[in-house]
Amino acid sequence: MPDDTKVQVKDRRIGTSGKTPPHFSGIRKLDEEPPPFDVLIGLLLNRDFSVREAWEIPIERVRHYAVYREHTNSWSLKTIRGAMRDDPEIKQIELRNAP
């Protein structure tokens, strides 16, 4: 990523039942120009807070998939599944164990 890229990170932790939460935490000011970020990094965390999955999502794709929720004054983005997993502009980040 270029040095001037603005990044926002959103995460969700897998529940005690092992189910993936339905969406990331709310995103604010998504419809503003200039945008609040260029790329969103979406993390799915295990119960111990280790990273299970990491995704890089360009602002254009966040805007495409997110839905505005008036009662929270924020945009809701589902956790990565379905069409989002198949979207060629959304990239899964390879995870490696630290040395």
PDB file of N, CA and C in Angstrom:
ATOM      1  N   MET A   1       0.823  -1.173   0.000  1.00  0.00           N
ATOM      2  CA  MET A   1       0.000   0.000   0.000  1.00  0.00           C
ATOM      3  C   MET A   1       0.878   1.252   0.000  1.00  0.00           C
ATOM      4  N   PRO A   2       0.506   2.266  -0.770  1.00  0.00           N
ATOM      5  CA  PRO A   2       1.281   3.516  -0.751  1.00  0.00           C
ATOM      6  C   PRO A   2       1.245   4.161   0.640  1.00  0.00           C
ATOM      7  N   ASP A   3       2.279   4.937   0.947  1.00  0.00           N
ATOM      8  CA  ASP A   3       2.398   5.546   2.276  1.00  0.00           C
ATOM      9  C   ASP A   3       1.254   6.493   2.622  1.00  0.00           C
ATOM     10  N   ASP A   4       0.634   7.120   1.629  1.00  0.00           N
ATOM     11  CA  ASP A   4      -0.428   8.081   1.927  1.00  0.00           C
ATOM     12  C   ASP A   4      -1.819   7.449   1.942  1.00  0.00           C
ATOM     13  N   THR A   5      -1.906   6.137   1.885  1.00  0.00           N
ATOM     14  CA  THR A   5      -3.189   5.434   1.921  1.00  0.00           C
ATOM     15  C   THR A   5      -3.782   5.530   3.320  1.00  0.00           C
ATOM     16  N   LYS A   6      -5.050   5.985   3.389  1.00  0.00           N
ATOM     17  CA  LYS A   6      -5.755   6.048   4.668  1.00  0.00           C
ATOM     18  C   LYS A   6      -6.461   4.710   4.885  1.00  0.00           C
ATOM     19  N   VAL A   7      -6.226   4.111   6.046  1.00  0.00           N
ATOM     20  CA  VAL A   7      -6.757   2.785   6.358  1.00  0.00           C
ATOM     21  C   VAL A   7      -7.673   2.878   7.577  1.00  0.00           C
ATOM     22  N   GLN A   8      -8.796   2.184   7.500  1.00  0.00           N
ATOM     23  CA  GLN A   8      -9.664   2.029   8.656  1.00  0.00           C
ATOM     24  C   GLN A   8      -9.753   0.532   8.938  1.00  0.00           C
ATOM     25  N   VAL A   9      -9.704   0.153  10.206  1.00  0.00           N
ATOM     26  CA  VAL A   9      -9.766  -1.254  10.592  1.00  0.00           C
ATOM     27  C   VAL A   9     -11.053  -1.497  11.356  1.00  0.00           C
ATOM     28  N   LYS A  10     -11.780  -2.523  10.954  1.00  0.00           N
ATOM     29  CA  LYS A  10     -12.988  -2.959  11.651  1.00  0.00           C
ATOM     30  C   LYS A  10     -12.820  -4.434  11.946  1.00  0.00           C
ATOM     31  N   ASP A  11     -13.315  -4.852  13.100  1.00  0.00           N
ATOM     32  CA  ASP A  11     -13.184  -6.266  13.428  1.00  0.00           C
ATOM     33  C   ASP A  11     -14.436  -6.779  14.111  1.00  0.00           C
ATOM     34  N   ARG A  12     -14.530  -8.087  14.153  1.00  0.00           N
ATOM     35  CA  ARG A  12     -15.579  -8.780  14.890  1.00  0.00           C
ATOM     36  C   ARG A  12     -14.985 -10.057  15.433  1.00  0.00           C
ATOM     37  N   ARG A  13     -15.408 -10.408  16.643  1.00  0.00           N
ATOM     38  CA  ARG A  13     -14.920 -11.632  17.276  1.00  0.00           C
ATOM     39  C   ARG A  13     -15.962 -12.727  17.121  1.00  0.00           C
ATOM     40  N   ILE A  14     -15.475 -13.932  16.828  1.00  0.00           N
ATOM     41  CA  ILE A  14     -16.350 -15.094  16.699  1.00  0.00           C
ATOM     42  C   ILE A  14     -17.040 -15.319  18.043  1.00  0.00           C
ATOM     43  N   GLY A  15     -18.339 -15.603  18.018  1.00  0.00           N
ATOM     44  CA  GLY A  15     -19.107 -15.794  19.246  1.00  0.00           C
ATOM     45  C   GLY A  15     -18.791 -17.103  19.951  1.00  0.00           C
ATOM     46  N   THR A  16     -19.306 -17.237  21.153  1.00  0.00           N
ATOM     47  CA  THR A  16     -19.070 -18.456  21.940  1.00  0.00           C
ATOM     48  C   THR A  16     -19.633 -19.685  21.244  1.00  0.00           C
ATOM     49  N   SER A  17     -20.639 -19.499  20.405  1.00  0.00           N
ATOM     50  CA  SER A  17     -21.231 -20.616  19.664  1.00  0.00           C
ATOM     51  C   SER A  17     -20.386 -21.003  18.449  1.00  0.00           C
ATOM     52  N   GLY A  18     -19.364 -20.173  18.135  1.00  0.00           N
ATOM     53  CA  GLY A  18     -18.532 -20.430  16.961  1.00  0.00           C
ATOM     54  C   GLY A  18     -19.063 -19.777  15.702  1.00  0.00           C
ATOM     55  N   LYS A  19     -20.178 -19.072  15.808  1.00  0.00           N
ATOM     56  CA  LYS A  19     -20.763 -18.415  14.638  1.00  0.00           C
ATOM     57  C   LYS A  19     -20.060 -17.096  14.333  1.00  0.00           C
ATOM     58  N   THR A  20     -19.953 -16.802  13.046  1.00  0.00           N
ATOM     59  CA  THR A  20     -19.398 -15.530  12.601  1.00  0.00           C
ATOM     60  C   THR A  20     -20.449 -14.443  12.811  1.00  0.00           C
ATOM     61  N   PRO A  21     -20.083 -13.326  13.425  1.00  0.00           N
ATOM     62  CA  PRO A  21     -21.041 -12.222  13.594  1.00  0.00           C
ATOM     63  C   PRO A  21     -21.536 -11.744  12.229  1.00  0.00           C
ATOM     64  N   PRO A  22     -22.745 -11.181  12.171  1.00  0.00           N
ATOM     65  CA  PRO A  22     -23.328 -10.801  10.879  1.00  0.00           C
ATOM     66  C   PRO A  22     -22.680  -9.604  10.199  1.00  0.00           C
ATOM     67  N   HIS A  23     -22.091  -8.695  10.976  1.00  0.00           N
ATOM     68  CA  HIS A  23     -21.518  -7.485  10.365  1.00  0.00           C
ATOM     69  C   HIS A  23     -20.391  -6.937  11.221  1.00  0.00           C
ATOM     70  N   PHE A  24     -19.581  -6.077  10.590  1.00  0.00           N
ATOM     71  CA  PHE A  24     -18.520  -5.375  11.303  1.00  0.00           C
ATOM     72  C   PHE A  24     -19.149  -4.221  12.094  1.00  0.00           C
ATOM     73  N   SER A  25     -18.379  -3.600  12.959  1.00  0.00           N
ATOM     74  CA  SER A  25     -18.890  -2.442  13.690  1.00  0.00           C
ATOM     75  C   SER A  25     -19.185  -1.311  12.705  1.00  0.00           C
ATOM     76  N   GLY A  26     -20.034  -0.376  13.121  1.00  0.00           N
ATOM     77  CA  GLY A  26     -20.518   0.679  12.244  1.00  0.00           C
ATOM     78  C   GLY A  26     -19.421   1.548  11.658  1.00  0.00           C
ATOM     79  N   ILE A  27     -19.670   2.002  10.441  1.00  0.00           N
ATOM     80  CA  ILE A  27     -18.733   2.858   9.715  1.00  0.00           C
ATOM     81  C   ILE A  27     -19.391   4.233   9.584  1.00  0.00           C
ATOM     82  N   ARG A  28     -18.701   5.242   9.965  1.00  0.00           N
ATOM     83  CA  ARG A  28     -19.252   6.609   9.910  1.00  0.00           C
ATOM     84  C   ARG A  28     -18.652   7.394   8.735  1.00  0.00           C
ATOM     85  N   LYS A  29     -19.438   8.382   8.275  1.00  0.00           N
ATOM     86  CA  LYS A  29     -19.015   9.349   7.251  1.00  0.00           C
ATOM     87  C   LYS A  29     -18.631   8.690   5.924  1.00  0.00           C
ATOM     88  N   LEU A  30     -19.208   7.546   5.637  1.00  0.00           N
ATOM     89  CA  LEU A  30     -18.862   6.819   4.415  1.00  0.00           C
ATOM     90  C   LEU A  30     -19.255   7.579   3.154  1.00  0.00           C
ATOM     91  N   ASP A  31     -20.282   8.419   3.243  1.00  0.00           N
ATOM     92  CA  ASP A  31     -20.761   9.145   2.068  1.00  0.00           C
ATOM     93  C   ASP A  31     -20.103  10.515   1.898  1.00  0.00           C
ATOM     94  N   GLU A  32     -19.128  10.844   2.749  1.00  0.00           N
ATOM     95  CA  GLU A  32     -18.464  12.151   2.653  1.00  0.00           C
ATOM     96  C   GLU A  32     -17.342  12.138   1.618  1.00  0.00           C
ATOM     97  N   GLU A  33     -17.057  13.337   1.101  1.00  0.00           N
ATOM     98  CA  GLU A  33     -15.917  13.534   0.193  1.00  0.00           C
ATOM     99  C   GLU A  33     -15.036  14.603   0.792  1.00  0.00           C
ATOM    100  N   PRO A  34     -13.749  14.431   0.867  1.00  0.00           N
ATOM    101  CA  PRO A  34     -13.064  13.190   0.527  1.00  0.00           C
ATOM    102  C   PRO A  34     -13.464  12.090   1.508  1.00  0.00           C
ATOM    103  N   PRO A  35     -13.348  10.831   1.087  1.00  0.00           N
ATOM    104  CA  PRO A  35     -13.748   9.727   1.955  1.00  0.00           C
ATOM    105  C   PRO A  35     -12.871   9.655   3.202  1.00  0.00           C
ATOM    106  N   PRO A  36     -13.418   9.093   4.286  1.00  0.00           N
ATOM    107  CA  PRO A  36     -12.654   9.015   5.537  1.00  0.00           C
ATOM    108  C   PRO A  36     -11.481   8.027   5.469  1.00  0.00           C
ATOM    109  N   PHE A  37     -11.479   7.148   4.488  1.00  0.00           N
ATOM    110  CA  PHE A  37     -10.398   6.182   4.314  1.00  0.00           C
ATOM    111  C   PHE A  37     -10.372   5.716   2.868  1.00  0.00           C
ATOM    112  N   ASP A  38      -9.258   5.108   2.467  1.00  0.00           N
ATOM    113  CA  ASP A  38      -9.121   4.555   1.122  1.00  0.00           C
ATOM    114  C   ASP A  38      -9.388   3.052   1.105  1.00  0.00           C
ATOM    115  N   VAL A  39      -8.993   2.400   2.185  1.00  0.00           N
ATOM    116  CA  VAL A  39      -9.087   0.941   2.291  1.00  0.00           C
ATOM    117  C   VAL A  39      -9.574   0.577   3.686  1.00  0.00           C
ATOM    118  N   LEU A  40     -10.483  -0.376   3.750  1.00  0.00           N
ATOM    119  CA  LEU A  40     -10.910  -0.909   5.036  1.00  0.00           C
ATOM    120  C   LEU A  40     -10.273  -2.287   5.206  1.00  0.00           C
ATOM    121  N   ILE A  41      -9.691  -2.528   6.358  1.00  0.00           N
ATOM    122  CA  ILE A  41      -9.180  -3.855   6.686  1.00  0.00           C
ATOM    123  C   ILE A  41     -10.207  -4.480   7.622  1.00  0.00           C
ATOM    124  N   GLY A  42     -10.824  -5.563   7.180  1.00  0.00           N
ATOM    125  CA  GLY A  42     -11.817  -6.271   7.972  1.00  0.00           C
ATOM    126  C   GLY A  42     -11.183  -7.502   8.601  1.00  0.00           C
ATOM    127  N   LEU A  43     -11.282  -7.600   9.915  1.00  0.00           N
ATOM    128  CA  LEU A  43     -10.685  -8.721  10.641  1.00  0.00           C
ATOM    129  C   LEU A  43     -11.770  -9.558  11.303  1.00  0.00           C
ATOM    130  N   LEU A  44     -11.658 -10.869  11.180  1.00  0.00           N
ATOM    131  CA  LEU A  44     -12.468 -11.789  11.966  1.00  0.00           C
ATOM    132  C   LEU A  44     -11.538 -12.383  13.011  1.00  0.00           C
ATOM    133  N   LEU A  45     -11.900 -12.220  14.275  1.00  0.00           N
ATOM    134  CA  LEU A  45     -11.043 -12.642  15.376  1.00  0.00           C
ATOM    135  C   LEU A  45     -11.580 -13.905  16.036  1.00  0.00           C
ATOM    136  N   ASN A  46     -10.670 -14.764  16.449  1.00  0.00           N
ATOM    137  CA  ASN A  46     -11.039 -15.931  17.238  1.00  0.00           C
ATOM    138  C   ASN A  46     -11.407 -15.471  18.644  1.00  0.00           C
ATOM    139  N   ARG A  47     -11.911 -16.378  19.472  1.00  0.00           N
ATOM    140  CA  ARG A  47     -12.304 -16.036  20.841  1.00  0.00           C
ATOM    141  C   ARG A  47     -11.123 -15.477  21.641  1.00  0.00           C
ATOM    142  N   ASP A  48      -9.889 -15.927  21.350  1.00  0.00           N
ATOM    143  CA  ASP A  48      -8.706 -15.438  22.073  1.00  0.00           C
ATOM    144  C   ASP A  48      -8.125 -14.167  21.455  1.00  0.00           C
ATOM    145  N   PHE A  49      -8.864 -13.564  20.524  1.00  0.00           N
ATOM    146  CA  PHE A  49      -8.498 -12.332  19.829  1.00  0.00           C
ATOM    147  C   PHE A  49      -7.391 -12.511  18.791  1.00  0.00           C
ATOM    148  N   SER A  50      -6.970 -13.726  18.516  1.00  0.00           N
ATOM    149  CA  SER A  50      -6.044 -13.943  17.406  1.00  0.00           C
ATOM    150  C   SER A  50      -6.836 -13.772  16.100  1.00  0.00           C
ATOM    151  N   VAL A  51      -6.143 -13.427  15.039  1.00  0.00           N
ATOM    152  CA  VAL A  51      -6.813 -13.146  13.761  1.00  0.00           C
ATOM    153  C   VAL A  51      -7.098 -14.449  13.023  1.00  0.00           C
ATOM    154  N   ARG A  52      -8.362 -14.666  12.706  1.00  0.00           N
ATOM    155  CA  ARG A  52      -8.786 -15.842  11.938  1.00  0.00           C
ATOM    156  C   ARG A  52      -8.723 -15.537  10.440  1.00  0.00           C
ATOM    157  N   GLU A  53      -9.252 -14.377  10.049  1.00  0.00           N
ATOM    158  CA  GLU A  53      -9.251 -13.948   8.649  1.00  0.00           C
ATOM    159  C   GLU A  53      -9.009 -12.448   8.602  1.00  0.00           C
ATOM    160  N   ALA A  54      -8.367 -11.996   7.529  1.00  0.00           N
ATOM    161  CA  ALA A  54      -8.152 -10.563   7.306  1.00  0.00           C
ATOM    162  C   ALA A  54      -8.448 -10.268   5.839  1.00  0.00           C
ATOM    163  N   TRP A  55      -9.146  -9.155   5.605  1.00  0.00           N
ATOM    164  CA  TRP A  55      -9.564  -8.788   4.253  1.00  0.00           C
ATOM    165  C   TRP A  55      -9.248  -7.327   3.983  1.00  0.00           C
ATOM    166  N   GLU A  56      -8.838  -7.044   2.760  1.00  0.00           N
ATOM    167  CA  GLU A  56      -8.579  -5.675   2.306  1.00  0.00           C
ATOM    168  C   GLU A  56      -9.698  -5.295   1.346  1.00  0.00           C
ATOM    169  N   ILE A  57     -10.446  -4.226   1.701  1.00  0.00           N
ATOM    170  CA  ILE A  57     -11.623  -3.832   0.927  1.00  0.00           C
ATOM    171  C   ILE A  57     -11.499  -2.370   0.517  1.00  0.00           C
ATOM    172  N   PRO A  58     -11.396  -2.094  -0.777  1.00  0.00           N
ATOM    173  CA  PRO A  58     -11.315  -0.701  -1.241  1.00  0.00           C
ATOM    174  C   PRO A  58     -12.600   0.074  -0.893  1.00  0.00           C
ATOM    175  N   ILE A  59     -12.481   1.358  -0.700  1.00  0.00           N
ATOM    176  CA  ILE A  59     -13.615   2.211  -0.328  1.00  0.00           C
ATOM    177  C   ILE A  59     -14.792   2.046  -1.294  1.00  0.00           C
ATOM    178  N   GLU A  60     -14.523   1.892  -2.578  1.00  0.00           N
ATOM    179  CA  GLU A  60     -15.611   1.758  -3.557  1.00  0.00           C
ATOM    180  C   GLU A  60     -16.444   0.509  -3.282  1.00  0.00           C
ATOM    181  N   ARG A  61     -15.785  -0.569  -2.867  1.00  0.00           N
ATOM    182  CA  ARG A  61     -16.507  -1.819  -2.590  1.00  0.00           C
ATOM    183  C   ARG A  61     -17.234  -1.730  -1.242  1.00  0.00           C
ATOM    184  N   VAL A  62     -16.649  -1.021  -0.277  1.00  0.00           N
ATOM    185  CA  VAL A  62     -17.344  -0.804   0.997  1.00  0.00           C
ATOM    186  C   VAL A  62     -18.633  -0.044   0.716  1.00  0.00           C
ATOM    187  N   ARG A  63     -18.536   1.018  -0.067  1.00  0.00           N
ATOM    188  CA  ARG A  63     -19.731   1.807  -0.409  1.00  0.00           C
ATOM    189  C   ARG A  63     -20.763   0.969  -1.157  1.00  0.00           C
ATOM    190  N   HIS A  64     -20.314   0.055  -1.980  1.00  0.00           N
ATOM    191  CA  HIS A  64     -21.219  -0.804  -2.737  1.00  0.00           C
ATOM    192  C   HIS A  64     -22.002  -1.755  -1.820  1.00  0.00           C
ATOM    193  N   TYR A  65     -21.336  -2.357  -0.867  1.00  0.00           N
ATOM    194  CA  TYR A  65     -21.957  -3.385  -0.025  1.00  0.00           C
ATOM    195  C   TYR A  65     -22.586  -2.864   1.270  1.00  0.00           C
ATOM    196  N   ALA A  66     -22.158  -1.719   1.759  1.00  0.00           N
ATOM    197  CA  ALA A  66     -22.655  -1.219   3.049  1.00  0.00           C
ATOM    198  C   ALA A  66     -24.074  -0.669   2.916  1.00  0.00           C
ATOM    199  N   VAL A  67     -24.799  -0.744   4.017  1.00  0.00           N
ATOM    200  CA  VAL A  67     -26.173  -0.253   4.094  1.00  0.00           C
ATOM    201  C   VAL A  67     -26.248   0.775   5.220  1.00  0.00           C
ATOM    202  N   TYR A  68     -26.886   1.920   4.934  1.00  0.00           N
ATOM    203  CA  TYR A  68     -27.016   2.961   5.954  1.00  0.00           C
ATOM    204  C   TYR A  68     -28.085   2.581   6.965  1.00  0.00           C
ATOM    205  N   ARG A  69     -27.778   2.761   8.252  1.00  0.00           N
ATOM    206  CA  ARG A  69     -28.709   2.492   9.354  1.00  0.00           C
ATOM    207  C   ARG A  69     -28.960   3.812  10.087  1.00  0.00           C
ATOM    208  N   GLU A  70     -30.131   4.383   9.853  1.00  0.00           N
ATOM    209  CA  GLU A  70     -30.446   5.701  10.418  1.00  0.00           C
ATOM    210  C   GLU A  70     -30.400   5.692  11.945  1.00  0.00           C
ATOM    211  N   HIS A  71     -30.882   4.630  12.574  1.00  0.00           N
ATOM    212  CA  HIS A  71     -30.964   4.606  14.036  1.00  0.00           C
ATOM    213  C   HIS A  71     -29.588   4.615  14.717  1.00  0.00           C
ATOM    214  N   THR A  72     -28.525   4.254  13.989  1.00  0.00           N
ATOM    215  CA  THR A  72     -27.168   4.339  14.548  1.00  0.00           C
ATOM    216  C   THR A  72     -26.334   5.410  13.860  1.00  0.00           C
ATOM    217  N   ASN A  73     -26.926   6.051  12.843  1.00  0.00           N
ATOM    218  CA  ASN A  73     -26.220   7.064  12.054  1.00  0.00           C
ATOM    219  C   ASN A  73     -24.874   6.520  11.562  1.00  0.00           C
ATOM    220  N   SER A  74     -24.916   5.299  11.056  1.00  0.00           N
ATOM    221  CA  SER A  74     -23.688   4.671  10.555  1.00  0.00           C
ATOM    222  C   SER A  74     -24.040   3.702   9.432  1.00  0.00           C
ATOM    223  N   TRP A  75     -22.999   3.271   8.755  1.00  0.00           N
ATOM    224  CA  TRP A  75     -23.139   2.305   7.673  1.00  0.00           C
ATOM    225  C   TRP A  75     -22.786   0.924   8.204  1.00  0.00           C
ATOM    226  N   SER A  76     -23.551  -0.068   7.794  1.00  0.00           N
ATOM    227  CA  SER A  76     -23.339  -1.439   8.241  1.00  0.00           C
ATOM    228  C   SER A  76     -22.771  -2.263   7.082  1.00  0.00           C
ATOM    229  N   LEU A  77     -21.649  -2.920   7.333  1.00  0.00           N
ATOM    230  CA  LEU A  77     -21.010  -3.776   6.327  1.00  0.00           C
ATOM    231  C   LEU A  77     -20.995  -5.191   6.868  1.00  0.00           C
ATOM    232  N   LYS A  78     -21.604  -6.097   6.115  1.00  0.00           N
ATOM    233  CA  LYS A  78     -21.621  -7.496   6.534  1.00  0.00           C
ATOM    234  C   LYS A  78     -20.203  -8.049   6.589  1.00  0.00           C
ATOM    235  N   THR A  79     -20.001  -9.019   7.462  1.00  0.00           N
ATOM    236  CA  THR A  79     -18.720  -9.704   7.470  1.00  0.00           C
ATOM    237  C   THR A  79     -18.584 -10.451   6.149  1.00  0.00           C
ATOM    238  N   ILE A  80     -17.373 -10.755   5.749  1.00  0.00           N
ATOM    239  CA  ILE A  80     -17.087 -11.274   4.409  1.00  0.00           C
ATOM    240  C   ILE A  80     -17.706 -12.653   4.201  1.00  0.00           C
ATOM    241  N   ARG A  81     -18.610 -12.716   3.236  1.00  0.00           N
ATOM    242  CA  ARG A  81     -19.245 -13.989   2.856  1.00  0.00           C
ATOM    243  C   ARG A  81     -19.974 -13.794   1.537  1.00  0.00           C
ATOM    244  N   GLY A  82     -20.431 -14.873   0.956  1.00  0.00           N
ATOM    245  CA  GLY A  82     -21.206 -14.814  -0.276  1.00  0.00           C
ATOM    246  C   GLY A  82     -20.501 -14.073  -1.390  1.00  0.00           C
ATOM    247  N   ALA A  83     -21.223 -13.132  -1.992  1.00  0.00           N
ATOM    248  CA  ALA A  83     -20.713 -12.380  -3.143  1.00  0.00           C
ATOM    249  C   ALA A  83     -19.437 -11.615  -2.813  1.00  0.00           C
ATOM    250  N   MET A  84     -19.302 -11.191  -1.573  1.00  0.00           N
ATOM    251  CA  MET A  84     -18.109 -10.433  -1.195  1.00  0.00           C
ATOM    252  C   MET A  84     -16.856 -11.312  -1.291  1.00  0.00           C
ATOM    253  N   ARG A  85     -16.970 -12.587  -0.934  1.00  0.00           N
ATOM    254  CA  ARG A  85     -15.818 -13.507  -1.033  1.00  0.00           C
ATOM    255  C   ARG A  85     -15.392 -13.700  -2.490  1.00  0.00           C
ATOM    256  N   ASP A  86     -16.351 -13.591  -3.396  1.00  0.00           N
ATOM    257  CA  ASP A  86     -16.066 -13.799  -4.812  1.00  0.00           C
ATOM    258  C   ASP A  86     -15.716 -12.513  -5.551  1.00  0.00           C
ATOM    259  N   ASP A  87     -15.819 -11.376  -4.884  1.00  0.00           N
ATOM    260  CA  ASP A  87     -15.533 -10.083  -5.507  1.00  0.00           C
ATOM    261  C   ASP A  87     -14.021  -9.976  -5.743  1.00  0.00           C
ATOM    262  N   PRO A  88     -13.597  -9.824  -7.000  1.00  0.00           N
ATOM    263  CA  PRO A  88     -12.154  -9.781  -7.288  1.00  0.00           C
ATOM    264  C   PRO A  88     -11.431  -8.565  -6.708  1.00  0.00           C
ATOM    265  N   GLU A  89     -12.170  -7.520  -6.321  1.00  0.00           N
ATOM    266  CA  GLU A  89     -11.538  -6.331  -5.752  1.00  0.00           C
ATOM    267  C   GLU A  89     -11.335  -6.446  -4.243  1.00  0.00           C
ATOM    268  N   ILE A  90     -11.957  -7.451  -3.627  1.00  0.00           N
ATOM    269  CA  ILE A  90     -11.787  -7.693  -2.195  1.00  0.00           C
ATOM    270  C   ILE A  90     -10.764  -8.805  -2.053  1.00  0.00           C
ATOM    271  N   LYS A  91      -9.700  -8.501  -1.349  1.00  0.00           N
ATOM    272  CA  LYS A  91      -8.586  -9.457  -1.262  1.00  0.00           C
ATOM    273  C   LYS A  91      -8.411  -9.978   0.150  1.00  0.00           C
ATOM    274  N   GLN A  92      -8.293 -11.315   0.245  1.00  0.00           N
ATOM    275  CA  GLN A  92      -7.981 -11.899   1.538  1.00  0.00           C
ATOM    276  C   GLN A  92      -6.484 -11.702   1.796  1.00  0.00           C
ATOM    277  N   ILE A  93      -6.156 -11.282   3.000  1.00  0.00           N
ATOM    278  CA  ILE A  93      -4.771 -11.053   3.381  1.00  0.00           C
ATOM    279  C   ILE A  93      -4.199 -12.338   3.937  1.00  0.00           C
ATOM    280  N   GLU A  94      -3.049 -12.734   3.404  1.00  0.00           N
ATOM    281  CA  GLU A  94      -2.394 -13.950   3.872  1.00  0.00           C
ATOM    282  C   GLU A  94      -1.874 -13.733   5.292  1.00  0.00           C
ATOM    283  N   LEU A  95      -2.207 -14.656   6.165  1.00  0.00           N
ATOM    284  CA  LEU A  95      -1.743 -14.573   7.543  1.00  0.00           C
ATOM    285  C   LEU A  95      -0.568 -15.493   7.752  1.00  0.00           C
ATOM    286  N   ARG A  96       0.425 -14.994   8.460  1.00  0.00           N
ATOM    287  CA  ARG A  96       1.619 -15.801   8.779  1.00  0.00           C
ATOM    288  C   ARG A  96       1.896 -15.678  10.258  1.00  0.00           C
ATOM    289  N   ASN A  97       2.405 -16.727  10.836  1.00  0.00           N
ATOM    290  CA  ASN A  97       2.814 -16.673  12.239  1.00  0.00           C
ATOM    291  C   ASN A  97       4.080 -15.848  12.366  1.00  0.00           C
ATOM    292  N   ALA A  98       4.161 -15.081  13.425  1.00  0.00           N
ATOM    293  CA  ALA A  98       5.382 -14.299  13.670  1.00  0.00           C
ATOM    294  C   ALA A  98       6.526 -15.240  13.977  1.00  0.00           C
ATOM    295  N   PRO A  99       7.770 -14.856  13.597  1.00  0.00           N
ATOM    296  CA  PRO A  99       8.906 -15.742  13.840  1.00  0.00           C
ATOM    297  C   PRO A  99       9.188 -15.945  15.315  1.00  0.00           C
TER     298      PRO A  99
END
